[in-house]
Each structure stands twice: as structure tokens, then as C-alpha cells.
Amino acid sequence: MEDKDLSGAFISSLKRNNKEIRADRAAAIAEDAQLVYKRKIEDLEISIRKMQREQEYMLDLSPTTTQSLILASDFNCEEYVAKDIDLGIKIRQAEITLEIAKQRYKYLFGGK
């Protein structure tokens, strides 16, 4: 059987040169890394929004029903302050991580 009788993806793949193989591998690696970066950036944005909402919800000290009141003695100031500061730190850390991720994404893949 002569080489010219062979056709199809298998033989074509065997005949590819080193440059073509490297280009295909590079494209696959770059595509995978870009998708993971995009997903990480989106996850960070969602996480920041959730934490910001949680921090805002902490300001809602309204009663649970129209007949109930929150007594001053039931409010734990230390716990409130600690949670508020902790959320603020987590938000800031996530914002820094997001900023770095966006800068690196732009540098590595161009665009947004």
C-alpha cells in the first residue's frame, strides 16, 4: 500500500510537523487557561457582590414582625463590629485579587 492511498485524520495527524503540533498544543493550553481566568474573574465579582450585600443587610436591624422589637440589650455590639470589619477585609482582599486577575488577564490574553 502506497502512502498516497492513505487519507483521513489519522494519517494527516501522523504527518504533521513539529511546528504544527506545538501550535495546536499552545492553542489548547492558552484556550484552557483563558477560560479558567475568565471564570475566576466572574467568581470574584460574584463573591464581592454577595459580601457587599451581606454587609448592607447587616444594617437592617428592623424587627422580624410588626409586633416585635429588637431590644438594645439583645444587640451584640462586639459581634456586629467584628463581623462588619471581617466582611470589609474580605471584600478588600477580593477586590485586590480581582484587580490583579484582570490586569494579568489583559496582559496574558489581551482584551477585557
PDB file of N, CA and C in Angstrom:
ATOM      1  N   MET A   1       0.850  -1.175   0.000  1.00  0.00           N
ATOM      2  CA  MET A   1       0.000   0.000   0.000  1.00  0.00           C
ATOM      3  C   MET A   1       0.896   1.239   0.000  1.00  0.00           C
ATOM      4  N   GLU A   2       0.674   2.107  -0.916  1.00  0.00           N
ATOM      5  CA  GLU A   2       1.478   3.317  -1.026  1.00  0.00           C
ATOM      6  C   GLU A   2       0.920   4.428  -0.143  1.00  0.00           C
ATOM      7  N   ASP A   3       1.800   5.371   0.202  1.00  0.00           N
ATOM      8  CA  ASP A   3       1.436   6.496   1.060  1.00  0.00           C
ATOM      9  C   ASP A   3       0.297   7.318   0.470  1.00  0.00           C
ATOM     10  N   LYS A   4       0.268   7.443  -0.862  1.00  0.00           N
ATOM     11  CA  LYS A   4      -0.762   8.267  -1.486  1.00  0.00           C
ATOM     12  C   LYS A   4      -2.151   7.644  -1.366  1.00  0.00           C
ATOM     13  N   ASP A   5      -2.239   6.347  -1.063  1.00  0.00           N
ATOM     14  CA  ASP A   5      -3.531   5.688  -0.872  1.00  0.00           C
ATOM     15  C   ASP A   5      -4.132   5.999   0.501  1.00  0.00           C
ATOM     16  N   LEU A   6      -3.305   6.453   1.423  1.00  0.00           N
ATOM     17  CA  LEU A   6      -3.765   6.727   2.776  1.00  0.00           C
ATOM     18  C   LEU A   6      -4.306   8.147   2.888  1.00  0.00           C
ATOM     19  N   SER A   7      -5.444   8.258   3.517  1.00  0.00           N
ATOM     20  CA  SER A   7      -6.022   9.584   3.741  1.00  0.00           C
ATOM     21  C   SER A   7      -6.805   9.547   5.044  1.00  0.00           C
ATOM     22  N   GLY A   8      -7.239  10.694   5.474  1.00  0.00           N
ATOM     23  CA  GLY A   8      -8.017  10.771   6.702  1.00  0.00           C
ATOM     24  C   GLY A   8      -7.257  11.463   7.816  1.00  0.00           C
ATOM     25  N   ALA A   9      -7.951  11.627   8.915  1.00  0.00           N
ATOM     26  CA  ALA A   9      -7.408  12.376  10.045  1.00  0.00           C
ATOM     27  C   ALA A   9      -6.201  11.686  10.681  1.00  0.00           C
ATOM     28  N   PHE A  10      -6.225  10.350  10.724  1.00  0.00           N
ATOM     29  CA  PHE A  10      -5.132   9.643  11.386  1.00  0.00           C
ATOM     30  C   PHE A  10      -3.810   9.855  10.663  1.00  0.00           C
ATOM     31  N   ILE A  11      -3.791   9.627   9.386  1.00  0.00           N
ATOM     32  CA  ILE A  11      -2.553   9.792   8.622  1.00  0.00           C
ATOM     33  C   ILE A  11      -2.128  11.256   8.588  1.00  0.00           C
ATOM     34  N   SER A  12      -3.115  12.137   8.493  1.00  0.00           N
ATOM     35  CA  SER A  12      -2.791  13.570   8.499  1.00  0.00           C
ATOM     36  C   SER A  12      -2.134  13.960   9.814  1.00  0.00           C
ATOM     37  N   SER A  13      -2.639  13.398  10.900  1.00  0.00           N
ATOM     38  CA  SER A  13      -2.069  13.694  12.214  1.00  0.00           C
ATOM     39  C   SER A  13      -0.643  13.171  12.327  1.00  0.00           C
ATOM     40  N   LEU A  14      -0.401  11.991  11.783  1.00  0.00           N
ATOM     41  CA  LEU A  14       0.944  11.415  11.826  1.00  0.00           C
ATOM     42  C   LEU A  14       1.937  12.220  10.996  1.00  0.00           C
ATOM     43  N   LYS A  15       1.447  12.874   9.959  1.00  0.00           N
ATOM     44  CA  LYS A  15       2.318  13.618   9.047  1.00  0.00           C
ATOM     45  C   LYS A  15       2.577  15.059   9.496  1.00  0.00           C
ATOM     46  N   ARG A  16       1.868  15.485  10.522  1.00  0.00           N
ATOM     47  CA  ARG A  16       2.071  16.882  10.958  1.00  0.00           C
ATOM     48  C   ARG A  16       3.514  17.098  11.408  1.00  0.00           C
ATOM     49  N   ASN A  17       4.007  18.285  11.138  1.00  0.00           N
ATOM     50  CA  ASN A  17       5.370  18.571  11.562  1.00  0.00           C
ATOM     51  C   ASN A  17       5.387  19.121  12.986  1.00  0.00           C
ATOM     52  N   ASN A  18       6.544  19.265  13.537  1.00  0.00           N
ATOM     53  CA  ASN A  18       6.728  19.703  14.925  1.00  0.00           C
ATOM     54  C   ASN A  18       6.111  21.080  15.173  1.00  0.00           C
ATOM     55  N   LYS A  19       6.246  21.968  14.221  1.00  0.00           N
ATOM     56  CA  LYS A  19       5.701  23.318  14.369  1.00  0.00           C
ATOM     57  C   LYS A  19       4.174  23.275  14.475  1.00  0.00           C
ATOM     58  N   GLU A  20       3.543  22.460  13.670  1.00  0.00           N
ATOM     59  CA  GLU A  20       2.082  22.338  13.714  1.00  0.00           C
ATOM     60  C   GLU A  20       1.615  21.719  15.036  1.00  0.00           C
ATOM     61  N   ILE A  21       2.326  20.725  15.487  1.00  0.00           N
ATOM     62  CA  ILE A  21       1.981  20.071  16.757  1.00  0.00           C
ATOM     63  C   ILE A  21       2.102  21.060  17.907  1.00  0.00           C
ATOM     64  N   ARG A  22       3.196  21.800  17.940  1.00  0.00           N
ATOM     65  CA  ARG A  22       3.388  22.793  19.003  1.00  0.00           C
ATOM     66  C   ARG A  22       2.324  23.871  18.956  1.00  0.00           C
ATOM     67  N   ALA A  23       1.951  24.314  17.762  1.00  0.00           N
ATOM     68  CA  ALA A  23       0.920  25.349  17.620  1.00  0.00           C
ATOM     69  C   ALA A  23      -0.425  24.846  18.149  1.00  0.00           C
ATOM     70  N   ASP A  24      -0.769  23.610  17.837  1.00  0.00           N
ATOM     71  CA  ASP A  24      -2.027  23.030  18.329  1.00  0.00           C
ATOM     72  C   ASP A  24      -2.028  22.914  19.851  1.00  0.00           C
ATOM     73  N   ARG A  25      -0.916  22.443  20.409  1.00  0.00           N
ATOM     74  CA  ARG A  25      -0.814  22.324  21.874  1.00  0.00           C
ATOM     75  C   ARG A  25      -0.878  23.685  22.541  1.00  0.00           C
ATOM     76  N   ALA A  26      -0.186  24.651  21.970  1.00  0.00           N
ATOM     77  CA  ALA A  26      -0.189  26.002  22.532  1.00  0.00           C
ATOM     78  C   ALA A  26      -1.597  26.589  22.516  1.00  0.00           C
ATOM     79  N   ALA A  27      -2.306  26.393  21.420  1.00  0.00           N
ATOM     80  CA  ALA A  27      -3.673  26.922  21.320  1.00  0.00           C
ATOM     81  C   ALA A  27      -4.578  26.278  22.365  1.00  0.00           C
ATOM     82  N   ALA A  28      -4.441  24.979  22.565  1.00  0.00           N
ATOM     83  CA  ALA A  28      -5.270  24.272  23.550  1.00  0.00           C
ATOM     84  C   ALA A  28      -4.971  24.752  24.963  1.00  0.00           C
ATOM     85  N   ILE A  29      -3.700  24.903  25.289  1.00  0.00           N
ATOM     86  CA  ILE A  29      -3.301  25.366  26.625  1.00  0.00           C
ATOM     87  C   ILE A  29      -3.786  26.792  26.858  1.00  0.00           C
ATOM     88  N   ALA A  30      -3.587  27.656  25.879  1.00  0.00           N
ATOM     89  CA  ALA A  30      -3.995  29.058  26.010  1.00  0.00           C
ATOM     90  C   ALA A  30      -5.511  29.168  26.164  1.00  0.00           C
ATOM     91  N   GLU A  31      -6.258  28.396  25.399  1.00  0.00           N
ATOM     92  CA  GLU A  31      -7.714  28.431  25.490  1.00  0.00           C
ATOM     93  C   GLU A  31      -8.190  27.986  26.875  1.00  0.00           C
ATOM     94  N   ASP A  32      -7.612  26.905  27.381  1.00  0.00           N
ATOM     95  CA  ASP A  32      -7.989  26.413  28.707  1.00  0.00           C
ATOM     96  C   ASP A  32      -7.658  27.440  29.797  1.00  0.00           C
ATOM     97  N   ALA A  33      -6.459  28.006  29.726  1.00  0.00           N
ATOM     98  CA  ALA A  33      -6.050  28.993  30.732  1.00  0.00           C
ATOM     99  C   ALA A  33      -6.938  30.239  30.666  1.00  0.00           C
ATOM    100  N   GLN A  34      -7.277  30.672  29.469  1.00  0.00           N
ATOM    101  CA  GLN A  34      -8.126  31.849  29.311  1.00  0.00           C
ATOM    102  C   GLN A  34      -9.514  31.607  29.901  1.00  0.00           C
ATOM    103  N   LEU A  35     -10.077  30.435  29.662  1.00  0.00           N
ATOM    104  CA  LEU A  35     -11.391  30.111  30.218  1.00  0.00           C
ATOM    105  C   LEU A  35     -11.364  30.079  31.745  1.00  0.00           C
ATOM    106  N   VAL A  36     -10.305  29.504  32.310  1.00  0.00           N
ATOM    107  CA  VAL A  36     -10.188  29.452  33.771  1.00  0.00           C
ATOM    108  C   VAL A  36     -10.031  30.855  34.339  1.00  0.00           C
ATOM    109  N   TYR A  37      -9.234  31.700  33.675  1.00  0.00           N
ATOM    110  CA  TYR A  37      -9.081  33.090  34.123  1.00  0.00           C
ATOM    111  C   TYR A  37     -10.418  33.814  34.092  1.00  0.00           C
ATOM    112  N   LYS A  38     -11.165  33.679  33.002  1.00  0.00           N
ATOM    113  CA  LYS A  38     -12.476  34.332  32.893  1.00  0.00           C
ATOM    114  C   LYS A  38     -13.399  33.880  34.010  1.00  0.00           C
ATOM    115  N   ARG A  39     -13.428  32.583  34.254  1.00  0.00           N
ATOM    116  CA  ARG A  39     -14.285  32.029  35.292  1.00  0.00           C
ATOM    117  C   ARG A  39     -13.874  32.551  36.670  1.00  0.00           C
ATOM    118  N   LYS A  40     -12.576  32.633  36.920  1.00  0.00           N
ATOM    119  CA  LYS A  40     -12.078  33.135  38.207  1.00  0.00           C
ATOM    120  C   LYS A  40     -12.490  34.589  38.406  1.00  0.00           C
ATOM    121  N   ILE A  41     -12.376  35.396  37.367  1.00  0.00           N
ATOM    122  CA  ILE A  41     -12.760  36.810  37.446  1.00  0.00           C
ATOM    123  C   ILE A  41     -14.259  36.925  37.722  1.00  0.00           C
ATOM    124  N   GLU A  42     -15.060  36.153  37.016  1.00  0.00           N
ATOM    125  CA  GLU A  42     -16.511  36.183  37.254  1.00  0.00           C
ATOM    126  C   GLU A  42     -16.854  35.734  38.668  1.00  0.00           C
ATOM    127  N   ASP A  43     -16.196  34.682  39.144  1.00  0.00           N
ATOM    128  CA  ASP A  43     -16.437  34.193  40.504  1.00  0.00           C
ATOM    129  C   ASP A  43     -16.071  35.246  41.550  1.00  0.00           C
ATOM    130  N   LEU A  44     -14.967  35.946  41.325  1.00  0.00           N
ATOM    131  CA  LEU A  44     -14.561  37.010  42.254  1.00  0.00           C
ATOM    132  C   LEU A  44     -15.586  38.138  42.262  1.00  0.00           C
ATOM    133  N   GLU A  45     -16.070  38.522  41.089  1.00  0.00           N
ATOM    134  CA  GLU A  45     -17.072  39.593  41.008  1.00  0.00           C
ATOM    135  C   GLU A  45     -18.349  39.206  41.747  1.00  0.00           C
ATOM    136  N   ILE A  46     -18.780  37.969  41.577  1.00  0.00           N
ATOM    137  CA  ILE A  46     -19.979  37.495  42.271  1.00  0.00           C
ATOM    138  C   ILE A  46     -19.750  37.468  43.778  1.00  0.00           C
ATOM    139  N   SER A  47     -18.607  36.981  44.191  1.00  0.00           N
ATOM    140  CA  SER A  47     -18.281  36.903  45.613  1.00  0.00           C
ATOM    141  C   SER A  47     -18.271  38.282  46.265  1.00  0.00           C
ATOM    142  N   ILE A  48     -17.698  39.254  45.584  1.00  0.00           N
ATOM    143  CA  ILE A  48     -17.650  40.628  46.107  1.00  0.00           C
ATOM    144  C   ILE A  48     -19.062  41.180  46.251  1.00  0.00           C
ATOM    145  N   ARG A  49     -19.892  40.989  45.229  1.00  0.00           N
ATOM    146  CA  ARG A  49     -21.275  41.479  45.308  1.00  0.00           C
ATOM    147  C   ARG A  49     -22.034  40.834  46.462  1.00  0.00           C
ATOM    148  N   LYS A  50     -21.849  39.540  46.673  1.00  0.00           N
ATOM    149  CA  LYS A  50     -22.528  38.842  47.773  1.00  0.00           C
ATOM    150  C   LYS A  50     -22.070  39.381  49.134  1.00  0.00           C
ATOM    151  N   MET A  51     -20.778  39.578  49.284  1.00  0.00           N
ATOM    152  CA  MET A  51     -20.269  40.096  50.561  1.00  0.00           C
ATOM    153  C   MET A  51     -20.744  41.522  50.806  1.00  0.00           C
ATOM    154  N   GLN A  52     -20.772  42.342  49.753  1.00  0.00           N
ATOM    155  CA  GLN A  52     -21.268  43.711  49.901  1.00  0.00           C
ATOM    156  C   GLN A  52     -22.738  43.718  50.304  1.00  0.00           C
ATOM    157  N   ARG A  53     -23.525  42.824  49.686  1.00  0.00           N
ATOM    158  CA  ARG A  53     -24.934  42.718  50.077  1.00  0.00           C
ATOM    159  C   ARG A  53     -25.072  42.276  51.523  1.00  0.00           C
ATOM    160  N   GLU A  54     -24.278  41.300  51.920  1.00  0.00           N
ATOM    161  CA  GLU A  54     -24.327  40.819  53.302  1.00  0.00           C
ATOM    162  C   GLU A  54     -24.006  41.944  54.280  1.00  0.00           C
ATOM    163  N   GLN A  55     -23.016  42.753  53.933  1.00  0.00           N
ATOM    164  CA  GLN A  55     -22.647  43.881  54.786  1.00  0.00           C
ATOM    165  C   GLN A  55     -23.790  44.892  54.859  1.00  0.00           C
ATOM    166  N   GLU A  56     -24.446  45.146  53.724  1.00  0.00           N
ATOM    167  CA  GLU A  56     -25.583  46.063  53.705  1.00  0.00           C
ATOM    168  C   GLU A  56     -26.757  45.501  54.507  1.00  0.00           C
ATOM    169  N   TYR A  57     -26.991  44.209  54.390  1.00  0.00           N
ATOM    170  CA  TYR A  57     -28.094  43.578  55.125  1.00  0.00           C
ATOM    171  C   TYR A  57     -27.891  43.684  56.634  1.00  0.00           C
ATOM    172  N   MET A  58     -26.638  43.784  57.051  1.00  0.00           N
ATOM    173  CA  MET A  58     -26.361  43.930  58.488  1.00  0.00           C
ATOM    174  C   MET A  58     -26.928  45.234  59.038  1.00  0.00           C
ATOM    175  N   LEU A  59     -27.162  46.209  58.153  1.00  0.00           N
ATOM    176  CA  LEU A  59     -27.722  47.488  58.584  1.00  0.00           C
ATOM    177  C   LEU A  59     -29.215  47.393  58.857  1.00  0.00           C
ATOM    178  N   ASP A  60     -29.831  46.327  58.373  1.00  0.00           N
ATOM    179  CA  ASP A  60     -31.259  46.130  58.583  1.00  0.00           C
ATOM    180  C   ASP A  60     -31.483  45.522  59.967  1.00  0.00           C
ATOM    181  N   LEU A  61     -31.759  46.373  60.919  1.00  0.00           N
ATOM    182  CA  LEU A  61     -31.991  45.933  62.296  1.00  0.00           C
ATOM    183  C   LEU A  61     -33.471  45.992  62.638  1.00  0.00           C
ATOM    184  N   SER A  62     -34.286  45.985  61.604  1.00  0.00           N
ATOM    185  CA  SER A  62     -35.726  46.097  61.817  1.00  0.00           C
ATOM    186  C   SER A  62     -36.250  44.828  62.488  1.00  0.00           C
ATOM    187  N   PRO A  63     -37.385  44.950  63.128  1.00  0.00           N
ATOM    188  CA  PRO A  63     -37.976  43.787  63.791  1.00  0.00           C
ATOM    189  C   PRO A  63     -38.354  42.703  62.779  1.00  0.00           C
ATOM    190  N   THR A  64     -38.480  41.500  63.280  1.00  0.00           N
ATOM    191  CA  THR A  64     -38.829  40.375  62.408  1.00  0.00           C
ATOM    192  C   THR A  64     -40.303  40.388  62.042  1.00  0.00           C
ATOM    193  N   THR A  65     -41.135  40.971  62.893  1.00  0.00           N
ATOM    194  CA  THR A  65     -42.564  41.109  62.593  1.00  0.00           C
ATOM    195  C   THR A  65     -42.995  42.503  63.015  1.00  0.00           C
ATOM    196  N   THR A  66     -44.224  42.866  62.668  1.00  0.00           N
ATOM    197  CA  THR A  66     -44.723  44.194  63.032  1.00  0.00           C
ATOM    198  C   THR A  66     -44.969  44.306  64.533  1.00  0.00           C
ATOM    199  N   GLN A  67     -45.051  43.172  65.200  1.00  0.00           N
ATOM    200  CA  GLN A  67     -45.324  43.174  66.643  1.00  0.00           C
ATOM    201  C   GLN A  67     -44.059  43.048  67.497  1.00  0.00           C
ATOM    202  N   SER A  68     -42.927  42.835  66.880  1.00  0.00           N
ATOM    203  CA  SER A  68     -41.706  42.617  67.669  1.00  0.00           C
ATOM    204  C   SER A  68     -40.760  43.810  67.553  1.00  0.00           C
ATOM    205  N   LEU A  69     -39.936  43.937  68.534  1.00  0.00           N
ATOM    206  CA  LEU A  69     -38.907  44.969  68.560  1.00  0.00           C
ATOM    207  C   LEU A  69     -37.586  44.327  68.968  1.00  0.00           C
ATOM    208  N   ILE A  70     -36.494  44.859  68.443  1.00  0.00           N
ATOM    209  CA  ILE A  70     -35.185  44.398  68.885  1.00  0.00           C
ATOM    210  C   ILE A  70     -34.796  45.269  70.074  1.00  0.00           C
ATOM    211  N   LEU A  71     -34.576  44.598  71.165  1.00  0.00           N
ATOM    212  CA  LEU A  71     -34.185  45.329  72.361  1.00  0.00           C
ATOM    213  C   LEU A  71     -32.702  45.674  72.285  1.00  0.00           C
ATOM    214  N   ALA A  72     -32.357  46.804  72.828  1.00  0.00           N
ATOM    215  CA  ALA A  72     -30.955  47.217  72.849  1.00  0.00           C
ATOM    216  C   ALA A  72     -30.102  46.181  73.561  1.00  0.00           C
ATOM    217  N   SER A  73     -30.668  45.558  74.572  1.00  0.00           N
ATOM    218  CA  SER A  73     -29.905  44.559  75.325  1.00  0.00           C
ATOM    219  C   SER A  73     -29.671  43.281  74.517  1.00  0.00           C
ATOM    220  N   ASP A  74     -30.474  43.056  73.465  1.00  0.00           N
ATOM    221  CA  ASP A  74     -30.308  41.873  72.624  1.00  0.00           C
ATOM    222  C   ASP A  74     -29.271  42.080  71.520  1.00  0.00           C
ATOM    223  N   PHE A  75     -28.846  43.309  71.313  1.00  0.00           N
ATOM    224  CA  PHE A  75     -27.899  43.617  70.243  1.00  0.00           C
ATOM    225  C   PHE A  75     -26.474  43.439  70.760  1.00  0.00           C
ATOM    226  N   ASN A  76     -25.713  42.611  70.075  1.00  0.00           N
ATOM    227  CA  ASN A  76     -24.331  42.345  70.471  1.00  0.00           C
ATOM    228  C   ASN A  76     -23.398  43.222  69.638  1.00  0.00           C
ATOM    229  N   CYS A  77     -22.973  44.322  70.229  1.00  0.00           N
ATOM    230  CA  CYS A  77     -22.128  45.294  69.517  1.00  0.00           C
ATOM    231  C   CYS A  77     -20.797  44.692  69.095  1.00  0.00           C
ATOM    232  N   GLU A  78     -20.178  43.935  69.993  1.00  0.00           N
ATOM    233  CA  GLU A  78     -18.864  43.347  69.689  1.00  0.00           C
ATOM    234  C   GLU A  78     -18.953  42.414  68.483  1.00  0.00           C
ATOM    235  N   GLU A  79     -19.977  41.578  68.466  1.00  0.00           N
ATOM    236  CA  GLU A  79     -20.175  40.635  67.367  1.00  0.00           C
ATOM    237  C   GLU A  79     -20.453  41.373  66.056  1.00  0.00           C
ATOM    238  N   TYR A  80     -21.288  42.411  66.127  1.00  0.00           N
ATOM    239  CA  TYR A  80     -21.632  43.197  64.941  1.00  0.00           C
ATOM    240  C   TYR A  80     -20.380  43.850  64.345  1.00  0.00           C
ATOM    241  N   VAL A  81     -19.611  44.508  65.197  1.00  0.00           N
ATOM    242  CA  VAL A  81     -18.409  45.214  64.731  1.00  0.00           C
ATOM    243  C   VAL A  81     -17.398  44.231  64.156  1.00  0.00           C
ATOM    244  N   ALA A  82     -17.190  43.109  64.845  1.00  0.00           N
ATOM    245  CA  ALA A  82     -16.222  42.118  64.367  1.00  0.00           C
ATOM    246  C   ALA A  82     -16.630  41.576  62.998  1.00  0.00           C
ATOM    247  N   LYS A  83     -17.914  41.268  62.828  1.00  0.00           N
ATOM    248  CA  LYS A  83     -18.395  40.738  61.552  1.00  0.00           C
ATOM    249  C   LYS A  83     -18.293  41.784  60.452  1.00  0.00           C
ATOM    250  N   ASP A  84     -18.642  43.035  60.766  1.00  0.00           N
ATOM    251  CA  ASP A  84     -18.583  44.111  59.779  1.00  0.00           C
ATOM    252  C   ASP A  84     -17.147  44.341  59.305  1.00  0.00           C
ATOM    253  N   ILE A  85     -16.220  44.371  60.238  1.00  0.00           N
ATOM    254  CA  ILE A  85     -14.808  44.573  59.879  1.00  0.00           C
ATOM    255  C   ILE A  85     -14.288  43.377  59.092  1.00  0.00           C
ATOM    256  N   ASP A  86     -14.640  42.168  59.530  1.00  0.00           N
ATOM    257  CA  ASP A  86     -14.211  40.962  58.830  1.00  0.00           C
ATOM    258  C   ASP A  86     -14.711  40.961  57.391  1.00  0.00           C
ATOM    259  N   LEU A  87     -15.971  41.314  57.203  1.00  0.00           N
ATOM    260  CA  LEU A  87     -16.510  41.394  55.844  1.00  0.00           C
ATOM    261  C   LEU A  87     -15.783  42.459  55.027  1.00  0.00           C
ATOM    262  N   GLY A  88     -15.493  43.593  55.640  1.00  0.00           N
ATOM    263  CA  GLY A  88     -14.765  44.655  54.948  1.00  0.00           C
ATOM    264  C   GLY A  88     -13.393  44.191  54.484  1.00  0.00           C
ATOM    265  N   ILE A  89     -12.704  43.444  55.339  1.00  0.00           N
ATOM    266  CA  ILE A  89     -11.382  42.919  54.986  1.00  0.00           C
ATOM    267  C   ILE A  89     -11.502  41.911  53.852  1.00  0.00           C
ATOM    268  N   LYS A  90     -12.479  41.015  53.940  1.00  0.00           N
ATOM    269  CA  LYS A  90     -12.674  40.018  52.883  1.00  0.00           C
ATOM    270  C   LYS A  90     -13.020  40.682  51.557  1.00  0.00           C
ATOM    271  N   ILE A  91     -13.853  41.707  51.605  1.00  0.00           N
ATOM    272  CA  ILE A  91     -14.215  42.437  50.375  1.00  0.00           C
ATOM    273  C   ILE A  91     -12.974  43.083  49.780  1.00  0.00           C
ATOM    274  N   ARG A  92     -12.186  43.742  50.598  1.00  0.00           N
ATOM    275  CA  ARG A  92     -10.983  44.426  50.102  1.00  0.00           C
ATOM    276  C   ARG A  92      -9.990  43.436  49.512  1.00  0.00           C
ATOM    277  N   GLN A  93      -9.799  42.296  50.180  1.00  0.00           N
ATOM    278  CA  GLN A  93      -8.884  41.279  49.656  1.00  0.00           C
ATOM    279  C   GLN A  93      -9.389  40.745  48.310  1.00  0.00           C
ATOM    280  N   ALA A  94     -10.677  40.524  48.213  1.00  0.00           N
ATOM    281  CA  ALA A  94     -11.253  40.037  46.956  1.00  0.00           C
ATOM    282  C   ALA A  94     -11.115  41.087  45.858  1.00  0.00           C
ATOM    283  N   GLU A  95     -11.290  42.367  46.207  1.00  0.00           N
ATOM    284  CA  GLU A  95     -11.134  43.440  45.223  1.00  0.00           C
ATOM    285  C   GLU A  95      -9.698  43.513  44.715  1.00  0.00           C
ATOM    286  N   ILE A  96      -8.737  43.341  45.610  1.00  0.00           N
ATOM    287  CA  ILE A  96      -7.322  43.347  45.210  1.00  0.00           C
ATOM    288  C   ILE A  96      -7.038  42.158  44.300  1.00  0.00           C
ATOM    289  N   THR A  97      -7.531  40.993  44.676  1.00  0.00           N
ATOM    290  CA  THR A  97      -7.346  39.794  43.858  1.00  0.00           C
ATOM    291  C   THR A  97      -7.984  39.976  42.493  1.00  0.00           C
ATOM    292  N   LEU A  98      -9.182  40.547  42.461  1.00  0.00           N
ATOM    293  CA  LEU A  98      -9.878  40.801  41.196  1.00  0.00           C
ATOM    294  C   LEU A  98      -9.083  41.768  40.330  1.00  0.00           C
ATOM    295  N   GLU A  99      -8.577  42.817  40.915  1.00  0.00           N
ATOM    296  CA  GLU A  99      -7.783  43.801  40.163  1.00  0.00           C
ATOM    297  C   GLU A  99      -6.547  43.143  39.545  1.00  0.00           C
ATOM    298  N   ILE A 100      -5.865  42.336  40.322  1.00  0.00           N
ATOM    299  CA  ILE A 100      -4.671  41.641  39.824  1.00  0.00           C
ATOM    300  C   ILE A 100      -5.055  40.655  38.722  1.00  0.00           C
ATOM    301  N   ALA A 101      -6.136  39.908  38.937  1.00  0.00           N
ATOM    302  CA  ALA A 101      -6.581  38.932  37.934  1.00  0.00           C
ATOM    303  C   ALA A 101      -6.941  39.620  36.621  1.00  0.00           C
ATOM    304  N   LYS A 102      -7.617  40.752  36.704  1.00  0.00           N
ATOM    305  CA  LYS A 102      -7.988  41.481  35.479  1.00  0.00           C
ATOM    306  C   LYS A 102      -6.751  42.009  34.759  1.00  0.00           C
ATOM    307  N   GLN A 103      -5.785  42.534  35.511  1.00  0.00           N
ATOM    308  CA  GLN A 103      -4.552  43.040  34.897  1.00  0.00           C
ATOM    309  C   GLN A 103      -3.785  41.914  34.209  1.00  0.00           C
ATOM    310  N   ARG A 104      -3.671  40.787  34.894  1.00  0.00           N
ATOM    311  CA  ARG A 104      -2.951  39.646  34.328  1.00  0.00           C
ATOM    312  C   ARG A 104      -3.683  39.081  33.108  1.00  0.00           C
ATOM    313  N   TYR A 105      -5.011  39.029  33.184  1.00  0.00           N
ATOM    314  CA  TYR A 105      -5.792  38.539  32.047  1.00  0.00           C
ATOM    315  C   TYR A 105      -5.545  39.404  30.824  1.00  0.00           C
ATOM    316  N   LYS A 106      -5.598  40.710  31.031  1.00  0.00           N
ATOM    317  CA  LYS A 106      -5.372  41.636  29.911  1.00  0.00           C
ATOM    318  C   LYS A 106      -3.967  41.466  29.336  1.00  0.00           C
ATOM    319  N   TYR A 107      -2.988  41.325  30.217  1.00  0.00           N
ATOM    320  CA  TYR A 107      -1.611  41.143  29.780  1.00  0.00           C
ATOM    321  C   TYR A 107      -1.432  39.811  29.045  1.00  0.00           C
ATOM    322  N   LEU A 108      -1.999  38.748  29.587  1.00  0.00           N
ATOM    323  CA  LEU A 108      -1.795  37.421  29.022  1.00  0.00           C
ATOM    324  C   LEU A 108      -2.616  37.150  27.768  1.00  0.00           C
ATOM    325  N   PHE A 109      -3.846  37.686  27.726  1.00  0.00           N
ATOM    326  CA  PHE A 109      -4.746  37.322  26.638  1.00  0.00           C
ATOM    327  C   PHE A 109      -5.256  38.504  25.825  1.00  0.00           C
ATOM    328  N   GLY A 110      -4.925  39.727  26.251  1.00  0.00           N
ATOM    329  CA  GLY A 110      -5.412  40.906  25.568  1.00  0.00           C
ATOM    330  C   GLY A 110      -6.877  41.119  25.884  1.00  0.00           C
ATOM    331  N   GLY A 111      -7.420  42.211  25.460  1.00  0.00           N
ATOM    332  CA  GLY A 111      -8.850  42.477  25.681  1.00  0.00           C
ATOM    333  C   GLY A 111      -9.183  42.787  27.116  1.00  0.00           C
ATOM    334  N   LYS A 112     -10.457  42.520  27.483  1.00  0.00           N
ATOM    335  CA  LYS A 112     -11.002  42.859  28.804  1.00  0.00           C
ATOM    336  C   LYS A 112     -10.234  42.215  29.925  1.00  0.00           C
TER     337      LYS A 112
END
